[in-house]
Amino acid sequence: MSQFRAKKLDLSCFINSKIIRDHTKRKVFEQHEPERQALRYIIRNTSLPQRTRAQAQLQLAQMHCYTRSTQPKNRCIMGGKGRGVFADFRMARFQFRMNALAGRIPGVKKASW
């Protein structure tokens, strides 16, 4: 994990170890995604020789787990919570409610009918 971590993090939110780890996963995924897509294309291309496809599959399996799209997790930028996070706002339910009631989220207001 530390092999991928940047010396200076470009985070502007609450920071704990889980946030740093998630930030690292997102950066590594972003950097290696073109390579993973190329390998997946080679694996699925049936016109290529079987040996080439098998080598590409082996390379893909040996890549670090942080390069997978399933690794990054939506976390609250205010508190670092991993559950109950609204993906559009990247905030947990409670933080979203507090910020919306305080008027800090543009275009959001309390519903009443």
N, C-alpha and C. Protein backbone atom coordinates (compact mmCIF):
# COMPACT_ATOMS: atom_id res chain seq x y z
N MET A 1 0.82 -1.19 0.00
CA MET A 1 0.00 0.00 0.00
C MET A 1 0.86 1.25 0.00
N SER A 2 1.87 1.28 0.83
CA SER A 2 2.70 2.47 0.91
C SER A 2 3.51 2.69 -0.35
N GLN A 3 3.65 1.64 -1.17
CA GLN A 3 4.39 1.80 -2.41
C GLN A 3 3.66 2.72 -3.39
N PHE A 4 2.33 2.82 -3.26
CA PHE A 4 1.54 3.65 -4.15
C PHE A 4 1.27 5.03 -3.59
N ARG A 5 1.39 5.21 -2.28
CA ARG A 5 0.96 6.45 -1.64
C ARG A 5 1.85 7.62 -2.05
N ALA A 6 1.23 8.72 -2.38
CA ALA A 6 1.95 9.93 -2.75
C ALA A 6 2.56 10.57 -1.51
N LYS A 7 3.64 11.29 -1.70
CA LYS A 7 4.29 11.96 -0.57
C LYS A 7 3.42 13.08 -0.05
N LYS A 8 2.70 13.76 -0.96
CA LYS A 8 1.81 14.84 -0.56
C LYS A 8 0.42 14.52 -1.09
N LEU A 9 -0.55 14.47 -0.20
CA LEU A 9 -1.91 14.14 -0.59
C LEU A 9 -2.67 15.40 -0.94
N ASP A 10 -3.47 15.33 -2.00
CA ASP A 10 -4.28 16.48 -2.41
C ASP A 10 -5.71 16.31 -1.90
N LEU A 11 -5.83 16.19 -0.59
CA LEU A 11 -7.13 16.04 0.04
C LEU A 11 -7.53 17.33 0.73
N SER A 12 -8.80 17.67 0.61
CA SER A 12 -9.28 18.87 1.31
C SER A 12 -10.48 18.50 2.15
N CYS A 13 -10.33 17.49 2.98
CA CYS A 13 -11.43 17.02 3.81
C CYS A 13 -10.88 16.41 5.08
N PHE A 14 -11.79 15.87 5.89
CA PHE A 14 -11.42 15.14 7.09
C PHE A 14 -10.48 14.00 6.70
N ILE A 15 -9.41 13.79 7.46
CA ILE A 15 -8.44 12.76 7.08
C ILE A 15 -8.28 11.76 8.22
N ASN A 16 -8.45 10.49 7.89
CA ASN A 16 -8.05 9.40 8.76
C ASN A 16 -7.43 8.32 7.88
N SER A 17 -7.00 7.24 8.45
CA SER A 17 -6.27 6.24 7.68
C SER A 17 -7.12 5.61 6.59
N LYS A 18 -8.43 5.47 6.82
CA LYS A 18 -9.29 4.88 5.80
C LYS A 18 -9.45 5.81 4.61
N ILE A 19 -9.53 7.09 4.87
CA ILE A 19 -9.64 8.07 3.78
C ILE A 19 -8.37 8.07 2.94
N ILE A 20 -7.22 8.03 3.61
CA ILE A 20 -5.94 8.01 2.89
C ILE A 20 -5.84 6.76 2.03
N ARG A 21 -6.25 5.62 2.59
CA ARG A 21 -6.20 4.37 1.84
C ARG A 21 -7.13 4.43 0.63
N ASP A 22 -8.32 4.96 0.80
CA ASP A 22 -9.27 5.06 -0.30
C ASP A 22 -8.77 6.02 -1.37
N HIS A 23 -8.17 7.12 -0.95
CA HIS A 23 -7.59 8.07 -1.89
C HIS A 23 -6.49 7.40 -2.72
N THR A 24 -5.64 6.61 -2.05
CA THR A 24 -4.58 5.89 -2.74
C THR A 24 -5.16 4.91 -3.75
N LYS A 25 -6.20 4.19 -3.36
CA LYS A 25 -6.83 3.23 -4.26
C LYS A 25 -7.39 3.91 -5.50
N ARG A 26 -8.00 5.08 -5.31
CA ARG A 26 -8.56 5.80 -6.45
C ARG A 26 -7.48 6.27 -7.43
N LYS A 27 -6.38 6.76 -6.88
CA LYS A 27 -5.28 7.23 -7.73
C LYS A 27 -4.66 6.07 -8.51
N VAL A 28 -4.41 4.96 -7.83
CA VAL A 28 -3.79 3.79 -8.47
C VAL A 28 -4.72 3.22 -9.53
N PHE A 29 -6.02 3.14 -9.23
CA PHE A 29 -6.98 2.65 -10.21
C PHE A 29 -6.98 3.53 -11.46
N GLU A 30 -6.95 4.84 -11.25
CA GLU A 30 -6.97 5.79 -12.36
C GLU A 30 -5.73 5.63 -13.25
N GLN A 31 -4.58 5.40 -12.63
CA GLN A 31 -3.34 5.27 -13.39
C GLN A 31 -3.27 3.98 -14.20
N HIS A 32 -3.80 2.88 -13.65
CA HIS A 32 -3.65 1.58 -14.29
C HIS A 32 -4.86 1.14 -15.12
N GLU A 33 -5.90 1.93 -15.17
CA GLU A 33 -7.10 1.52 -15.89
C GLU A 33 -6.87 1.30 -17.39
N PRO A 34 -6.11 2.15 -18.11
CA PRO A 34 -5.88 1.87 -19.54
C PRO A 34 -5.18 0.53 -19.78
N GLU A 35 -4.23 0.22 -18.93
CA GLU A 35 -3.52 -1.06 -19.06
C GLU A 35 -4.46 -2.23 -18.81
N ARG A 36 -5.32 -2.12 -17.82
CA ARG A 36 -6.28 -3.19 -17.53
C ARG A 36 -7.27 -3.35 -18.67
N GLN A 37 -7.72 -2.25 -19.27
CA GLN A 37 -8.65 -2.33 -20.39
C GLN A 37 -8.01 -3.01 -21.59
N ALA A 38 -6.73 -2.70 -21.84
CA ALA A 38 -6.02 -3.34 -22.96
C ALA A 38 -5.90 -4.85 -22.73
N LEU A 39 -5.56 -5.24 -21.52
CA LEU A 39 -5.45 -6.67 -21.22
C LEU A 39 -6.80 -7.37 -21.33
N ARG A 40 -7.86 -6.72 -20.87
CA ARG A 40 -9.19 -7.32 -20.99
C ARG A 40 -9.60 -7.46 -22.45
N TYR A 41 -9.22 -6.50 -23.28
CA TYR A 41 -9.51 -6.58 -24.71
C TYR A 41 -8.79 -7.77 -25.34
N ILE A 42 -7.53 -7.96 -24.98
CA ILE A 42 -6.75 -9.08 -25.51
C ILE A 42 -7.37 -10.41 -25.08
N ILE A 43 -7.79 -10.49 -23.82
CA ILE A 43 -8.37 -11.73 -23.30
C ILE A 43 -9.66 -12.09 -24.04
N ARG A 44 -10.48 -11.10 -24.36
CA ARG A 44 -11.77 -11.35 -25.00
C ARG A 44 -11.68 -11.52 -26.50
N ASN A 45 -10.57 -11.14 -27.11
CA ASN A 45 -10.41 -11.21 -28.55
C ASN A 45 -10.14 -12.66 -28.97
N THR A 46 -11.14 -13.30 -29.56
CA THR A 46 -11.00 -14.72 -29.91
C THR A 46 -10.16 -14.94 -31.16
N SER A 47 -9.86 -13.90 -31.92
CA SER A 47 -9.04 -14.07 -33.12
C SER A 47 -7.56 -14.17 -32.80
N LEU A 48 -7.17 -13.83 -31.59
CA LEU A 48 -5.76 -13.94 -31.17
C LEU A 48 -5.44 -15.37 -30.76
N PRO A 49 -4.15 -15.75 -30.80
CA PRO A 49 -3.78 -17.11 -30.37
C PRO A 49 -4.09 -17.33 -28.88
N GLN A 50 -4.37 -18.56 -28.53
CA GLN A 50 -4.73 -18.91 -27.17
C GLN A 50 -3.62 -18.59 -26.19
N ARG A 51 -2.37 -18.77 -26.63
CA ARG A 51 -1.23 -18.52 -25.74
C ARG A 51 -1.15 -17.05 -25.35
N THR A 52 -1.36 -16.16 -26.32
CA THR A 52 -1.32 -14.71 -26.05
C THR A 52 -2.43 -14.33 -25.08
N ARG A 53 -3.60 -14.88 -25.29
CA ARG A 53 -4.73 -14.58 -24.40
C ARG A 53 -4.47 -15.09 -22.99
N ALA A 54 -3.86 -16.25 -22.88
CA ALA A 54 -3.55 -16.81 -21.56
C ALA A 54 -2.50 -15.97 -20.84
N GLN A 55 -1.50 -15.48 -21.58
CA GLN A 55 -0.48 -14.62 -20.98
C GLN A 55 -1.10 -13.31 -20.48
N ALA A 56 -2.02 -12.74 -21.26
CA ALA A 56 -2.70 -11.51 -20.86
C ALA A 56 -3.54 -11.76 -19.61
N GLN A 57 -4.18 -12.92 -19.55
CA GLN A 57 -4.99 -13.25 -18.37
C GLN A 57 -4.12 -13.40 -17.13
N LEU A 58 -2.95 -13.98 -17.30
CA LEU A 58 -2.01 -14.13 -16.19
C LEU A 58 -1.50 -12.77 -15.72
N GLN A 59 -1.18 -11.89 -16.67
CA GLN A 59 -0.72 -10.54 -16.32
C GLN A 59 -1.81 -9.79 -15.55
N LEU A 60 -3.04 -9.91 -16.01
CA LEU A 60 -4.15 -9.23 -15.35
C LEU A 60 -4.35 -9.75 -13.93
N ALA A 61 -4.20 -11.04 -13.75
CA ALA A 61 -4.38 -11.64 -12.43
C ALA A 61 -3.25 -11.24 -11.48
N GLN A 62 -2.07 -10.96 -12.01
CA GLN A 62 -0.93 -10.62 -11.17
C GLN A 62 -0.83 -9.14 -10.84
N MET A 63 -1.70 -8.32 -11.42
CA MET A 63 -1.68 -6.89 -11.11
C MET A 63 -2.14 -6.68 -9.67
N HIS A 64 -1.69 -5.60 -9.06
CA HIS A 64 -2.02 -5.31 -7.66
C HIS A 64 -3.52 -5.12 -7.50
N CYS A 65 -4.04 -5.50 -6.35
CA CYS A 65 -5.49 -5.43 -6.12
C CYS A 65 -6.01 -3.99 -6.15
N TYR A 66 -5.18 -3.01 -5.87
CA TYR A 66 -5.63 -1.62 -5.88
C TYR A 66 -5.96 -1.14 -7.30
N THR A 67 -5.55 -1.88 -8.32
CA THR A 67 -5.83 -1.47 -9.69
C THR A 67 -7.23 -1.89 -10.14
N ARG A 68 -7.96 -2.62 -9.30
CA ARG A 68 -9.30 -3.08 -9.65
C ARG A 68 -10.33 -1.99 -9.39
N SER A 69 -11.39 -2.03 -10.19
CA SER A 69 -12.43 -1.00 -10.07
C SER A 69 -13.29 -1.20 -8.82
N THR A 70 -13.23 -2.38 -8.22
CA THR A 70 -14.07 -2.65 -7.05
C THR A 70 -13.43 -2.18 -5.75
N GLN A 71 -12.20 -1.73 -5.77
CA GLN A 71 -11.49 -1.37 -4.55
C GLN A 71 -11.90 -0.03 -3.95
N PRO A 72 -12.03 1.05 -4.74
CA PRO A 72 -12.42 2.32 -4.11
C PRO A 72 -13.82 2.23 -3.50
N LYS A 73 -14.00 2.87 -2.36
CA LYS A 73 -15.28 2.84 -1.65
C LYS A 73 -15.74 4.29 -1.44
N ASN A 74 -17.02 4.51 -1.63
CA ASN A 74 -17.56 5.85 -1.37
C ASN A 74 -17.48 6.13 0.13
N ARG A 75 -16.78 7.19 0.49
CA ARG A 75 -16.65 7.57 1.89
C ARG A 75 -17.07 9.03 2.03
N CYS A 76 -17.57 9.35 3.21
CA CYS A 76 -17.99 10.71 3.51
C CYS A 76 -16.76 11.61 3.59
N ILE A 77 -16.81 12.74 2.89
CA ILE A 77 -15.66 13.66 2.91
C ILE A 77 -15.62 14.46 4.20
N MET A 78 -16.73 14.47 4.94
CA MET A 78 -16.75 15.23 6.18
C MET A 78 -16.31 14.40 7.38
N GLY A 79 -16.74 13.16 7.44
CA GLY A 79 -16.46 12.35 8.62
C GLY A 79 -15.74 11.05 8.36
N GLY A 80 -15.63 10.65 7.10
CA GLY A 80 -14.93 9.42 6.77
C GLY A 80 -15.75 8.16 6.87
N LYS A 81 -17.07 8.28 7.12
CA LYS A 81 -17.91 7.10 7.23
C LYS A 81 -18.02 6.38 5.90
N GLY A 82 -18.15 5.06 5.97
CA GLY A 82 -18.24 4.27 4.75
C GLY A 82 -19.64 3.79 4.43
N ARG A 83 -20.57 4.01 5.34
CA ARG A 83 -21.94 3.56 5.11
C ARG A 83 -22.89 4.74 5.09
N GLY A 84 -23.97 4.58 4.34
CA GLY A 84 -24.99 5.63 4.27
C GLY A 84 -24.47 6.88 3.59
N VAL A 85 -23.69 6.71 2.53
CA VAL A 85 -23.07 7.85 1.84
C VAL A 85 -23.84 8.12 0.55
N PHE A 86 -24.27 9.36 0.36
CA PHE A 86 -24.89 9.77 -0.89
C PHE A 86 -23.77 10.01 -1.90
N ALA A 87 -23.77 9.23 -2.97
CA ALA A 87 -22.67 9.30 -3.94
C ALA A 87 -22.59 10.66 -4.63
N ASP A 88 -23.75 11.28 -4.90
CA ASP A 88 -23.75 12.57 -5.60
C ASP A 88 -23.08 13.67 -4.79
N PHE A 89 -23.21 13.61 -3.47
CA PHE A 89 -22.67 14.65 -2.61
C PHE A 89 -21.43 14.20 -1.84
N ARG A 90 -21.14 12.90 -1.86
CA ARG A 90 -20.03 12.29 -1.12
C ARG A 90 -20.10 12.65 0.36
N MET A 91 -21.33 12.58 0.91
CA MET A 91 -21.55 12.87 2.32
C MET A 91 -22.43 11.79 2.91
N ALA A 92 -22.17 11.51 4.19
CA ALA A 92 -23.03 10.58 4.92
C ALA A 92 -24.38 11.23 5.16
N ARG A 93 -25.38 10.41 5.48
CA ARG A 93 -26.74 10.91 5.65
C ARG A 93 -26.82 12.04 6.67
N PHE A 94 -26.20 11.83 7.81
CA PHE A 94 -26.29 12.84 8.88
C PHE A 94 -25.59 14.13 8.47
N GLN A 95 -24.40 14.03 7.91
CA GLN A 95 -23.67 15.23 7.47
C GLN A 95 -24.45 15.96 6.37
N PHE A 96 -25.05 15.18 5.46
CA PHE A 96 -25.85 15.79 4.41
C PHE A 96 -27.01 16.58 5.01
N ARG A 97 -27.69 15.99 5.99
CA ARG A 97 -28.82 16.65 6.64
C ARG A 97 -28.39 17.93 7.33
N MET A 98 -27.31 17.87 8.08
CA MET A 98 -26.84 19.05 8.81
C MET A 98 -26.43 20.17 7.85
N ASN A 99 -25.71 19.81 6.79
CA ASN A 99 -25.28 20.83 5.81
C ASN A 99 -26.45 21.39 5.02
N ALA A 100 -27.42 20.54 4.69
CA ALA A 100 -28.60 21.01 3.95
C ALA A 100 -29.43 21.97 4.80
N LEU A 101 -29.61 21.63 6.07
CA LEU A 101 -30.39 22.51 6.95
C LEU A 101 -29.68 23.83 7.20
N ALA A 102 -28.34 23.80 7.17
CA ALA A 102 -27.58 25.03 7.36
C ALA A 102 -27.47 25.84 6.08
N GLY A 103 -27.93 25.27 4.96
CA GLY A 103 -27.90 25.99 3.69
C GLY A 103 -26.54 25.98 3.01
N ARG A 104 -25.71 25.01 3.31
CA ARG A 104 -24.37 24.95 2.72
C ARG A 104 -24.30 24.13 1.43
N ILE A 105 -25.42 23.50 1.06
CA ILE A 105 -25.45 22.71 -0.17
C ILE A 105 -26.38 23.43 -1.15
N PRO A 106 -25.84 23.96 -2.25
CA PRO A 106 -26.67 24.71 -3.17
C PRO A 106 -27.71 23.82 -3.87
N GLY A 107 -28.91 24.32 -3.99
CA GLY A 107 -29.98 23.61 -4.68
C GLY A 107 -30.71 22.59 -3.85
N VAL A 108 -30.37 22.49 -2.57
CA VAL A 108 -31.02 21.53 -1.69
C VAL A 108 -31.77 22.28 -0.61
N LYS A 109 -33.07 21.95 -0.44
CA LYS A 109 -33.82 22.54 0.64
C LYS A 109 -34.75 21.48 1.21
N LYS A 110 -35.21 21.73 2.41
CA LYS A 110 -36.06 20.77 3.09
C LYS A 110 -37.42 20.71 2.42
N ALA A 111 -37.87 19.49 2.17
CA ALA A 111 -39.17 19.32 1.51
C ALA A 111 -40.30 19.53 2.52
N SER A 112 -41.37 20.12 2.06
CA SER A 112 -42.57 20.26 2.88
C SER A 112 -43.76 20.25 1.96
N TRP A 113 -44.78 19.46 2.32
CA TRP A 113 -45.98 19.40 1.52
C TRP A 113 -47.20 19.18 2.36
